[in-house]
């Protein structure tokens, strides 16, 4: 039996709530650790075996993984975690390494902390180097030191997500206006950084309102052409003759009313980036003309025979399924390969598939619209945020921003400091949400138990660990919540 943790002195709590997975086979120690971490608002999930830890890592989302080094092990534990699993010992003396290895592969952004009563130098080096552990803590635990290290790990993870990961407004990297933190969006922003340095044409696809033009602008701003012009043109609702004139320009006398020469957007964007939005709406005959320009780099103004060379980085976007249009004969296959099929296609997921970003977007938008109104940003009530986070948002980010602006205006009519309430959420959002079955990204294939556990964890984090408020928001009784906390090992 290990020595009991050292009692901690009173100290200020740090506002860095995180999802923490504690892997510890001694229940008493696990509960003492979780109690220490609940004070700053962390939400803890307790498991006692490697298999249980791997299951949690597959089904949940964690900011920090805390694992004891020694724990019971059995044949097959830790197997199948990934294709590049680092071999570790099969005995219980190094079972914690299996947890660190699984966490590194399944949730690489989580900080990994090893706890052991047998912390010699070689163990420390292996944990920190081979398994990229964030920290190493020895038993018996000094709870003040333990909590300080976990708070520091939480701050490190959350700051990383807010900067390199893209949560918040990533102005330092040139992504001003993009508010994201979900895994899907972090991968997209990584792709944007990669393709920005190239000359490849880029096609951005996604539903209306997902922010396709923001991605196009980010590509330009992070490229060597950032000092050149960024020119955007929307093909939707334009006649063929108007599109041709806008793209390629005309000379004087080319048609009635053409009283002077005018350059098109290709010439105007020379040396910079041209973004063609809703390219799927372009008429077939114009598609062939666009293809010729993209292949030759030469434009001919209407009414002229002279070719002009243009050096343009080409980015396009559509909310349509171009491959389906190709099969239907309404979009040219050779143009598709020219604009993205042979280069880079970035698919922006709808907001309902990246719900982790909703809270970030709302907080950012509240601050922005409050500044425009000349008022202090009002806080957002838990109930209102839960309603926003659970809505499907068919209009995606654009609809969410409009709803947030509406809520700020409604809240500004009340006393300063009054929070945005559920009643401030637009009626259209509340009505659509009332009869809707819950949906969400990354839930397909999850068991009902995993989904329920994840909902409880996220609600507890949102309420700062207040179980009474969490039970109310989840629509269950407090006794039911307490039972499920014990059932799922949640603290």
Protein backbone atom coordinates (compact mmCIF):
# COMPACT_ATOMS: atom_id res chain seq x y z
CA UNK A 1 0.00 0.00 0.00
CA UNK A 2 1.42 3.39 -1.01
CA UNK A 3 1.77 6.25 1.43
CA UNK A 4 -1.13 8.68 1.64
CA UNK A 5 -0.82 11.98 -0.21
CA UNK A 6 0.49 14.94 1.78
CA UNK A 7 -2.33 17.38 2.72
CA UNK A 8 -2.28 20.62 0.79
CA UNK A 9 -2.33 24.14 2.19
CA UNK A 10 -5.01 26.55 1.12
CA UNK A 11 -4.15 28.43 -2.06
CA UNK A 12 -5.99 30.39 -4.73
CA UNK A 13 -7.67 28.30 -7.42
CA UNK A 14 -6.58 28.81 -11.00
CA UNK A 15 -9.30 29.34 -13.64
CA UNK A 16 -7.99 26.70 -16.06
CA UNK A 17 -10.72 24.03 -16.18
CA UNK A 18 -9.74 20.98 -18.17
CA UNK A 19 -10.88 17.43 -18.89
CA UNK A 20 -8.56 15.12 -16.93
CA UNK A 21 -8.27 11.33 -17.22
CA UNK A 22 -6.81 9.76 -14.05
CA UNK A 23 -5.51 6.20 -14.39
CA UNK A 24 -4.87 4.81 -10.90
CA UNK A 25 -5.61 1.33 -9.54
CA UNK A 26 -5.82 2.46 -5.90
CA UNK A 27 -9.29 3.97 -5.56
CA UNK A 28 -8.45 6.01 -2.46
CA UNK A 29 -5.54 7.71 -4.20
CA UNK A 30 -7.58 8.33 -7.33
CA UNK A 31 -10.35 9.99 -5.35
CA UNK A 32 -7.92 12.18 -3.40
CA UNK A 33 -6.33 13.34 -6.68
CA UNK A 34 -9.72 14.06 -8.26
CA UNK A 35 -10.87 15.98 -5.19
CA UNK A 36 -7.76 18.17 -5.41
CA UNK A 37 -8.40 18.88 -9.09
CA UNK A 38 -12.10 19.58 -8.71
CA UNK A 39 -11.33 22.75 -6.74
CA UNK A 40 -10.03 24.67 -9.80
CA UNK A 41 -12.99 23.32 -11.81
CA UNK A 42 -11.29 20.41 -13.59
CA UNK A 43 -13.56 17.50 -14.60
CA UNK A 44 -11.95 14.15 -13.77
CA UNK A 45 -12.65 10.69 -15.13
CA UNK A 46 -11.27 7.82 -13.04
CA UNK A 47 -10.24 4.40 -14.39
CA UNK A 48 -8.06 1.69 -12.90
CA UNK A 49 -6.67 -0.34 -15.83
CA UNK A 50 -4.86 0.19 -19.11
CA UNK A 51 -7.77 -1.26 -21.09
CA UNK A 52 -10.21 1.14 -19.48
CA UNK A 53 -7.85 4.05 -20.14
CA UNK A 54 -7.54 3.15 -23.83
CA UNK A 55 -11.33 2.89 -24.12
CA UNK A 56 -11.72 6.35 -22.60
CA UNK A 57 -9.05 7.79 -24.89
CA UNK A 58 -10.87 6.37 -27.90
CA UNK A 59 -14.32 7.58 -26.85
CA UNK A 60 -13.69 10.83 -25.00
CA UNK A 61 -11.73 14.05 -25.36
CA UNK A 62 -9.14 14.94 -22.71
CA UNK A 63 -6.79 17.83 -22.08
CA UNK A 64 -4.62 15.98 -19.54
CA UNK A 65 -3.89 12.29 -18.91
CA UNK A 66 -2.51 11.44 -15.45
CA UNK A 67 -1.33 7.83 -15.08
CA UNK A 68 0.27 5.82 -12.32
CA UNK A 69 3.29 3.82 -13.49
CA UNK A 70 2.45 0.53 -11.75
CA UNK A 71 -0.97 -1.07 -12.01
CA UNK A 72 -2.46 -4.49 -12.76
CA UNK A 73 -2.05 -5.62 -16.35
CA UNK A 74 -3.31 -8.55 -18.41
CA UNK A 75 -2.66 -10.11 -21.80
CA UNK A 76 -3.72 -7.85 -24.64
CA UNK A 77 -3.75 -4.59 -22.72
CA UNK A 78 -2.60 -1.69 -24.84
CA UNK A 79 -2.69 -3.72 -28.07
CA UNK A 80 -4.26 -2.27 -31.19
CA UNK A 81 -3.89 1.32 -30.08
CA UNK A 82 -2.12 2.30 -33.28
CA UNK A 83 0.15 1.06 -36.01
CA UNK A 84 3.24 2.73 -34.54
CA UNK A 85 2.92 1.57 -30.96
CA UNK A 86 6.23 1.73 -29.13
CA UNK A 87 6.93 -1.64 -27.47
CA UNK A 88 6.62 -1.51 -23.70
CA UNK A 89 6.91 -4.08 -20.99
CA UNK A 90 4.11 -6.54 -20.45
CA UNK A 91 4.36 -6.46 -16.67
CA UNK A 92 2.46 -4.17 -14.33
CA UNK A 93 5.65 -2.33 -13.37
CA UNK A 94 5.54 -0.32 -16.60
CA UNK A 95 1.80 -0.33 -17.37
CA UNK A 96 1.73 3.46 -17.12
CA UNK A 97 3.98 3.67 -20.18
CA UNK A 98 1.24 1.91 -22.15
CA UNK A 99 -1.20 4.61 -21.10
CA UNK A 100 1.22 7.38 -22.12
CA UNK A 101 1.81 5.65 -25.44
CA UNK A 102 -1.92 5.26 -26.09
CA UNK A 103 -2.53 8.90 -25.18
CA UNK A 104 0.28 10.04 -27.46
CA UNK A 105 -1.33 8.26 -30.42
CA UNK A 106 -5.04 8.68 -29.72
CA UNK A 107 -4.98 12.20 -28.25
CA UNK A 108 -1.59 13.72 -29.05
CA UNK A 109 -2.57 17.22 -27.93
CA UNK A 110 -3.28 16.10 -24.36
CA UNK A 111 -0.58 16.73 -21.75
CA UNK A 112 0.72 13.46 -20.31
CA UNK A 113 1.74 13.23 -16.64
CA UNK A 114 3.25 10.12 -15.00
CA UNK A 115 2.80 9.42 -11.28
CA UNK A 116 4.99 6.82 -9.56
CA UNK A 117 6.48 5.84 -6.24
CA UNK A 118 9.43 4.36 -8.09
CA UNK A 119 10.75 7.41 -9.91
CA UNK A 120 14.38 6.72 -10.63
CA UNK A 121 16.34 8.68 -13.22
CA UNK A 122 15.88 6.15 -16.06
CA UNK A 123 12.12 6.10 -15.53
CA UNK A 124 11.97 9.89 -15.63
CA UNK A 125 14.05 10.09 -18.80
CA UNK A 126 11.96 7.43 -20.54
CA UNK A 127 8.68 9.13 -19.58
CA UNK A 128 9.83 12.58 -20.64
CA UNK A 129 11.66 11.62 -23.81
CA UNK A 130 10.29 8.42 -25.25
CA UNK A 131 6.65 9.07 -24.33
CA UNK A 132 6.84 12.89 -24.44
CA UNK A 133 5.40 13.28 -20.94
CA UNK A 134 4.68 16.83 -19.83
CA UNK A 135 5.73 16.16 -16.24
CA UNK A 136 6.69 13.50 -13.71
CA UNK A 137 5.35 13.36 -10.14
CA UNK A 138 6.49 11.08 -7.33
CA UNK A 139 4.45 9.48 -4.57
CA UNK A 140 3.57 10.23 -1.85
CA UNK A 141 1.86 13.14 -3.56
CA UNK A 142 2.13 16.62 -2.18
CA UNK A 143 -1.34 17.72 -3.29
CA UNK A 144 -0.38 21.39 -3.51
CA UNK A 145 2.49 20.51 -5.87
CA UNK A 146 0.32 18.01 -7.75
CA UNK A 147 -2.46 20.52 -8.33
CA UNK A 148 0.02 23.23 -9.31
CA UNK A 149 1.58 20.96 -11.93
CA UNK A 150 -1.78 19.91 -13.33
CA UNK A 151 -2.93 23.54 -13.47
CA UNK A 152 0.26 24.37 -15.33
CA UNK A 153 -0.35 21.49 -17.73
CA UNK A 154 -3.93 22.69 -18.28
CA UNK A 155 -2.74 26.22 -18.95
CA UNK A 156 -0.14 24.90 -21.38
CA UNK A 157 -2.67 22.81 -23.32
CA UNK A 158 -5.32 25.52 -23.47
CA UNK A 159 -2.82 28.18 -24.51
CA UNK A 160 -1.49 25.86 -27.20
CA UNK A 161 -5.00 25.35 -28.53
CA UNK A 162 -5.61 29.10 -28.44
CA UNK A 163 -2.49 29.84 -30.48
CA UNK A 164 -0.90 27.10 -32.56
CA UNK A 165 -4.11 25.10 -32.60
CA UNK A 166 -6.22 27.95 -33.86
CA UNK A 167 -8.66 28.45 -30.98
CA UNK A 168 -9.58 32.10 -30.84
CA UNK A 169 -8.48 34.66 -33.39
CA UNK A 170 -5.10 33.58 -34.70
CA UNK A 171 -3.82 37.02 -35.61
CA UNK A 172 -0.15 36.18 -35.01
CA UNK A 173 -0.21 33.64 -37.81
CA UNK A 174 -2.22 35.82 -40.16
CA UNK A 175 -5.54 34.05 -39.70
CA UNK A 176 -7.40 37.10 -38.39
CA UNK A 177 -11.11 36.42 -38.25
CA UNK A 178 -10.87 32.63 -38.07
CA UNK A 179 -12.10 31.36 -34.72
CA UNK A 180 -11.47 27.64 -34.35
CA UNK A 181 -10.13 25.02 -32.01
CA UNK A 182 -11.78 21.76 -33.02
CA UNK A 183 -9.61 18.96 -34.36
CA UNK A 184 -11.19 19.26 -37.82
CA UNK A 185 -10.44 22.98 -38.09
CA UNK A 186 -6.93 22.63 -36.71
CA UNK A 187 -6.17 20.16 -39.49
CA UNK A 188 -7.63 22.58 -42.04
CA UNK A 189 -5.54 25.48 -40.76
CA UNK A 190 -2.46 23.25 -40.92
CA UNK A 191 -3.34 22.55 -44.57
CA UNK A 192 -3.79 26.28 -45.19
CA UNK A 193 -0.33 26.98 -43.80
CA UNK A 194 1.14 24.25 -45.99
CA UNK A 195 -0.50 25.23 -49.27
CA UNK A 196 -0.04 28.97 -48.77
CA UNK A 197 3.65 28.69 -49.58
CA UNK A 198 2.96 26.91 -52.89
CA UNK A 199 1.47 28.02 -56.20
CA UNK A 200 -1.07 25.20 -56.28
CA UNK A 201 -4.65 26.16 -57.10
CA UNK A 202 -6.94 25.53 -54.13
CA UNK A 203 -10.62 24.58 -54.13
CA UNK A 204 -12.56 25.23 -50.91
CA UNK A 205 -15.84 23.37 -50.52
CA UNK A 206 -18.51 23.52 -47.85
CA UNK A 207 -22.03 24.60 -47.06
CA UNK A 208 -23.03 28.25 -47.23
CA UNK A 209 -21.87 30.22 -44.23
CA UNK A 210 -18.95 27.96 -43.24
CA UNK A 211 -16.32 30.63 -43.93
CA UNK A 212 -14.89 29.68 -47.32
CA UNK A 213 -13.78 33.22 -48.14
CA UNK A 214 -11.97 33.50 -44.79
CA UNK A 215 -9.92 30.47 -45.79
CA UNK A 216 -9.18 31.98 -49.20
CA UNK A 217 -8.08 35.23 -47.55
CA UNK A 218 -5.90 33.31 -45.08
CA UNK A 219 -4.16 31.53 -47.98
CA UNK A 220 -3.39 34.88 -49.56
CA UNK A 221 -2.25 36.53 -46.33
CA UNK A 222 0.14 33.67 -45.55
CA UNK A 223 1.64 33.49 -49.05
CA UNK A 224 4.50 35.35 -50.71
CA UNK A 225 1.80 37.33 -52.54
CA UNK A 226 0.43 38.92 -49.37
CA UNK A 227 1.61 42.36 -50.50
CA UNK A 228 -0.26 41.94 -53.78
CA UNK A 229 -3.98 42.36 -54.30
CA UNK A 230 -6.57 39.92 -53.01
CA UNK A 231 -9.56 40.08 -55.36
CA UNK A 232 -12.83 38.22 -54.75
CA UNK A 233 -15.56 37.66 -57.33
CA UNK A 234 -18.84 35.78 -56.81
CA UNK A 235 -20.09 33.82 -59.83
CA UNK A 236 -23.57 33.17 -58.42
CA UNK A 237 -26.47 34.90 -60.11
CA UNK A 238 -24.33 36.41 -62.88
CA UNK A 239 -25.13 36.18 -66.58
CA UNK A 240 -22.52 34.70 -68.89
CA UNK A 241 -21.78 38.02 -70.60
CA UNK A 242 -21.38 39.83 -67.28
CA UNK A 243 -19.07 37.14 -65.89
CA UNK A 244 -16.88 37.28 -68.99
CA UNK A 245 -16.65 41.07 -68.82
CA UNK A 246 -15.89 41.01 -65.07
CA UNK A 247 -13.22 38.32 -65.40
CA UNK A 248 -11.43 39.42 -68.57
CA UNK A 249 -12.37 43.08 -69.06
CA UNK A 250 -13.12 44.87 -72.34
CA UNK A 251 -11.79 47.49 -74.71
CA UNK A 252 -13.57 50.65 -75.79
CA UNK A 253 -16.35 49.95 -78.30
CA UNK A 254 -16.56 46.22 -77.47
CA UNK A 255 -20.31 46.62 -76.88
CA UNK A 256 -22.90 49.35 -76.50
CA UNK A 257 -21.92 51.51 -73.55
CA UNK A 258 -18.27 50.45 -73.51
CA UNK A 259 -16.89 53.99 -73.72
CA UNK A 260 -13.46 53.17 -72.32
CA UNK A 261 -11.07 50.29 -71.71
CA UNK A 262 -11.54 48.35 -68.48
CA UNK A 263 -9.38 45.61 -67.00
CA UNK A 264 -11.01 42.47 -65.61
CA UNK A 265 -10.37 40.92 -62.22
CA UNK A 266 -7.64 38.64 -63.63
CA UNK A 267 -5.58 41.66 -64.68
CA UNK A 268 -6.46 43.56 -61.52
CA UNK A 269 -5.24 40.64 -59.38
CA UNK A 270 -1.96 40.29 -61.33
CA UNK A 271 0.78 39.44 -58.83
CA UNK A 272 -1.78 38.60 -56.15
CA UNK A 273 -4.62 36.19 -55.51
CA UNK A 274 -7.96 35.81 -57.29
CA UNK A 275 -10.78 34.15 -55.39
CA UNK A 276 -13.77 32.94 -57.43
CA UNK A 277 -16.64 32.13 -55.11
CA UNK A 278 -19.47 29.76 -56.10
CA UNK A 279 -17.58 28.54 -59.15
CA UNK A 280 -20.12 25.72 -59.47
CA UNK A 281 -22.66 28.31 -60.68
CA UNK A 282 -20.52 29.29 -63.67
CA UNK A 283 -22.14 28.52 -67.08
CA UNK A 284 -20.52 25.71 -69.09
CA UNK A 285 -19.37 27.97 -71.92
CA UNK A 286 -17.64 30.25 -69.42
CA UNK A 287 -16.02 27.24 -67.80
CA UNK A 288 -14.16 26.49 -71.03
CA UNK A 289 -12.95 30.10 -71.29
CA UNK A 290 -11.80 30.06 -67.68
CA UNK A 291 -9.95 26.80 -68.27
CA UNK A 292 -8.07 28.30 -71.21
CA UNK A 293 -6.90 31.24 -69.08
CA UNK A 294 -5.81 29.00 -66.22
CA UNK A 295 -3.82 26.79 -68.61
CA UNK A 296 -2.21 29.55 -70.64
CA UNK A 297 -1.97 32.40 -68.14
CA UNK A 298 -3.19 34.72 -70.90
CA UNK A 299 -6.38 36.82 -70.95
CA UNK A 300 -8.03 38.51 -73.91
CA UNK A 301 -10.30 41.46 -73.24
CA UNK A 302 -13.71 41.52 -74.92
CA UNK A 303 -13.40 43.28 -78.28
CA UNK A 304 -9.64 42.71 -78.51
CA UNK A 305 -7.31 40.13 -80.02
CA UNK A 306 -4.31 41.07 -77.87
CA UNK A 307 -3.27 38.54 -75.23
CA UNK A 308 -2.10 39.78 -71.86
CA UNK A 309 -0.06 37.62 -69.49
CA UNK A 310 -1.26 37.49 -65.88
CA UNK A 311 0.42 35.97 -62.83
CA UNK A 312 -2.41 35.05 -60.47
CA UNK A 313 -2.73 32.59 -57.58
CA UNK A 314 -6.14 30.99 -58.13
CA UNK A 315 -8.46 29.99 -55.28
CA UNK A 316 -12.08 28.98 -55.83
CA UNK A 317 -14.98 27.82 -53.68
CA UNK A 318 -18.37 26.18 -54.02
CA UNK A 319 -21.18 24.80 -51.89
CA UNK A 320 -22.06 22.29 -54.60
CA UNK A 321 -20.89 18.73 -55.24
CA UNK A 322 -18.70 19.27 -58.32
CA UNK A 323 -18.05 15.56 -58.84
CA UNK A 324 -21.80 14.96 -58.98
CA UNK A 325 -22.14 17.88 -61.41
CA UNK A 326 -19.44 16.31 -63.59
CA UNK A 327 -21.44 13.08 -63.80
CA UNK A 328 -24.52 15.12 -64.70
CA UNK A 329 -22.63 17.02 -67.40
CA UNK A 330 -22.99 20.46 -65.77
CA UNK A 331 -19.36 20.95 -64.77
CA UNK A 332 -16.24 20.26 -66.79
CA UNK A 333 -14.03 17.49 -65.46
CA UNK A 334 -10.86 19.05 -66.88
CA UNK A 335 -11.66 22.34 -65.11
CA UNK A 336 -12.25 20.47 -61.86
CA UNK A 337 -8.80 18.90 -62.04
CA UNK A 338 -7.30 22.28 -62.89
CA UNK A 339 -8.85 24.17 -59.94
CA UNK A 340 -8.49 21.56 -57.23
CA UNK A 341 -8.75 17.94 -58.27
CA UNK A 342 -5.09 17.99 -59.27
CA UNK A 343 -4.08 20.45 -56.57
CA UNK A 344 -5.66 20.87 -53.15
CA UNK A 345 -9.28 20.54 -52.01
CA UNK A 346 -10.16 21.89 -48.57
CA UNK A 347 -13.54 20.80 -47.22
CA UNK A 348 -14.95 23.03 -44.51
CA UNK A 349 -17.20 21.03 -42.15
CA UNK A 350 -20.57 22.49 -41.18
CA UNK A 351 -20.81 23.96 -37.70
CA UNK A 352 -22.87 21.00 -36.46
CA UNK A 353 -19.82 18.80 -37.09
CA UNK A 354 -17.49 21.01 -35.06
CA UNK A 355 -19.54 22.00 -32.06
CA UNK A 356 -16.37 22.49 -30.01
CA UNK A 357 -15.93 25.79 -31.87
CA UNK A 358 -19.36 27.24 -31.04
CA UNK A 359 -18.42 28.53 -27.57
CA UNK A 360 -15.23 30.14 -28.91
CA UNK A 361 -17.07 31.80 -31.77
CA UNK A 362 -19.81 33.11 -29.47
CA UNK A 363 -17.37 34.64 -26.97
CA UNK A 364 -15.36 36.25 -29.75
CA UNK A 365 -18.48 37.58 -31.47
CA UNK A 366 -19.97 38.92 -28.22
CA UNK A 367 -16.81 40.96 -27.62
CA UNK A 368 -16.83 42.23 -31.19
CA UNK A 369 -20.49 43.25 -31.31
CA UNK A 370 -20.39 44.76 -27.81
CA UNK A 371 -17.51 46.94 -28.93
CA UNK A 372 -19.54 48.04 -31.94
CA UNK A 373 -22.44 48.87 -29.61
CA UNK A 374 -20.14 50.77 -27.26
CA UNK A 375 -21.05 48.57 -24.27
CA UNK A 376 -19.24 46.14 -22.01
CA UNK A 377 -19.39 42.55 -23.33
CA UNK A 378 -22.21 40.82 -21.44
CA UNK A 379 -21.54 37.34 -20.00
CA UNK A 380 -23.39 34.42 -21.61
CA UNK A 381 -25.48 32.32 -19.24
CA UNK A 382 -24.82 28.60 -19.09
CA UNK A 383 -28.35 27.84 -20.25
CA UNK A 384 -28.05 30.15 -23.27
CA UNK A 385 -24.66 28.70 -24.21
CA UNK A 386 -26.00 25.17 -23.96
CA UNK A 387 -28.89 26.10 -26.25
CA UNK A 388 -26.47 27.61 -28.76
CA UNK A 389 -24.10 24.65 -28.56
CA UNK A 390 -26.89 22.13 -29.18
CA UNK A 391 -28.48 23.89 -32.18
CA UNK A 392 -27.86 22.54 -35.70
CA UNK A 393 -27.10 25.91 -37.37
CA UNK A 394 -28.11 25.22 -40.98
CA UNK A 395 -26.70 28.66 -41.85
CA UNK A 396 -23.45 27.72 -40.10
CA UNK A 397 -21.07 30.38 -38.79
CA UNK A 398 -22.89 33.18 -40.60
CA UNK A 399 -26.14 32.29 -38.84
CA UNK A 400 -24.40 31.95 -35.47
CA UNK A 401 -22.82 35.39 -35.85
CA UNK A 402 -26.17 36.95 -36.75
CA UNK A 403 -27.76 35.27 -33.73
CA UNK A 404 -24.97 36.49 -31.45
CA UNK A 405 -25.36 40.06 -32.72
CA UNK A 406 -29.08 39.83 -31.98
CA UNK A 407 -28.37 38.58 -28.44
CA UNK A 408 -25.89 41.39 -27.72
CA UNK A 409 -28.44 43.98 -28.85
CA UNK A 410 -31.12 42.42 -26.65
CA UNK A 411 -28.82 42.23 -23.63
CA UNK A 412 -27.59 45.82 -24.08
CA UNK A 413 -31.09 47.10 -23.31
CA UNK A 414 -30.78 45.76 -19.76
CA UNK A 415 -28.58 46.74 -16.85
CA UNK A 416 -24.82 46.40 -17.32
CA UNK A 417 -23.53 43.00 -16.27
CA UNK A 418 -26.82 41.20 -16.91
CA UNK A 419 -26.01 37.96 -18.75
CA UNK A 420 -27.34 36.91 -22.11
CA UNK A 421 -30.26 34.59 -21.31
CA UNK A 422 -32.04 31.84 -23.21
CA UNK A 423 -34.80 34.33 -23.98
CA UNK A 424 -32.25 36.42 -25.92
CA UNK A 425 -31.52 33.55 -28.32
CA UNK A 426 -33.47 34.24 -31.54
CA UNK A 427 -36.85 32.53 -31.61
CA UNK A 428 -36.01 30.81 -34.90
CA UNK A 429 -33.07 29.04 -33.24
CA UNK A 430 -35.04 28.06 -30.15
CA UNK A 431 -37.98 26.79 -32.22
CA UNK A 432 -35.74 24.71 -34.50
CA UNK A 433 -33.94 23.27 -31.48
CA UNK A 434 -37.04 22.33 -29.50
CA UNK A 435 -38.07 19.22 -31.47
CA UNK A 436 -34.67 18.25 -32.82
CA UNK A 437 -32.91 15.04 -31.92
CA UNK A 438 -29.32 15.69 -30.80
CA UNK A 439 -26.63 15.35 -33.45
CA UNK A 440 -22.93 16.02 -33.37
CA UNK A 441 -19.58 15.34 -34.89
CA UNK A 442 -17.36 12.43 -33.85
CA UNK A 443 -20.24 10.54 -32.21
CA UNK A 444 -20.85 7.98 -34.95
CA UNK A 445 -19.81 4.55 -33.73
CA UNK A 446 -19.75 5.66 -30.09
CA UNK A 447 -21.73 3.67 -27.57
CA UNK A 448 -24.64 5.33 -25.79
CA UNK A 449 -22.62 5.05 -22.59
CA UNK A 450 -19.73 6.96 -24.16
CA UNK A 451 -22.06 9.65 -25.50
CA UNK A 452 -23.78 10.07 -22.12
CA UNK A 453 -20.44 10.18 -20.31
CA UNK A 454 -19.15 12.82 -22.70
CA UNK A 455 -22.29 14.93 -22.26
CA UNK A 456 -21.94 14.81 -18.46
CA UNK A 457 -18.23 15.70 -18.62
CA UNK A 458 -18.78 18.68 -20.91
CA UNK A 459 -21.72 19.96 -18.86
CA UNK A 460 -19.74 19.72 -15.63
CA UNK A 461 -16.92 21.68 -17.20
CA UNK A 462 -19.36 24.30 -18.49
CA UNK A 463 -20.86 24.71 -15.00
CA UNK A 464 -17.49 24.75 -13.27
CA UNK A 465 -18.28 21.47 -11.54
CA UNK A 466 -21.61 22.67 -10.10
CA UNK A 467 -23.58 19.44 -10.02
CA UNK A 468 -26.91 21.05 -9.21
CA UNK A 469 -26.72 23.28 -12.30
CA UNK A 470 -25.33 20.43 -14.41
CA UNK A 471 -28.25 18.16 -13.47
CA UNK A 472 -30.72 20.90 -14.36
CA UNK A 473 -29.09 21.54 -17.73
CA UNK A 474 -28.98 17.80 -18.50
CA UNK A 475 -32.66 17.44 -17.60
CA UNK A 476 -32.09 14.82 -14.88
CA UNK A 477 -32.38 14.78 -11.11
CA UNK A 478 -29.41 15.39 -8.86
CA UNK A 479 -29.62 11.88 -7.41
CA UNK A 480 -29.53 10.45 -10.94
CA UNK A 481 -26.50 12.57 -11.74
CA UNK A 482 -24.70 11.45 -8.56
CA UNK A 483 -25.39 7.83 -9.46
CA UNK A 484 -24.03 8.30 -12.97
CA UNK A 485 -20.95 10.10 -11.65
CA UNK A 486 -20.14 7.05 -9.56
CA UNK A 487 -21.08 4.65 -12.35
CA UNK A 488 -18.80 6.38 -14.87
CA UNK A 489 -15.96 7.23 -12.48
CA UNK A 490 -16.50 10.95 -12.97
CA UNK A 491 -15.47 13.52 -10.37
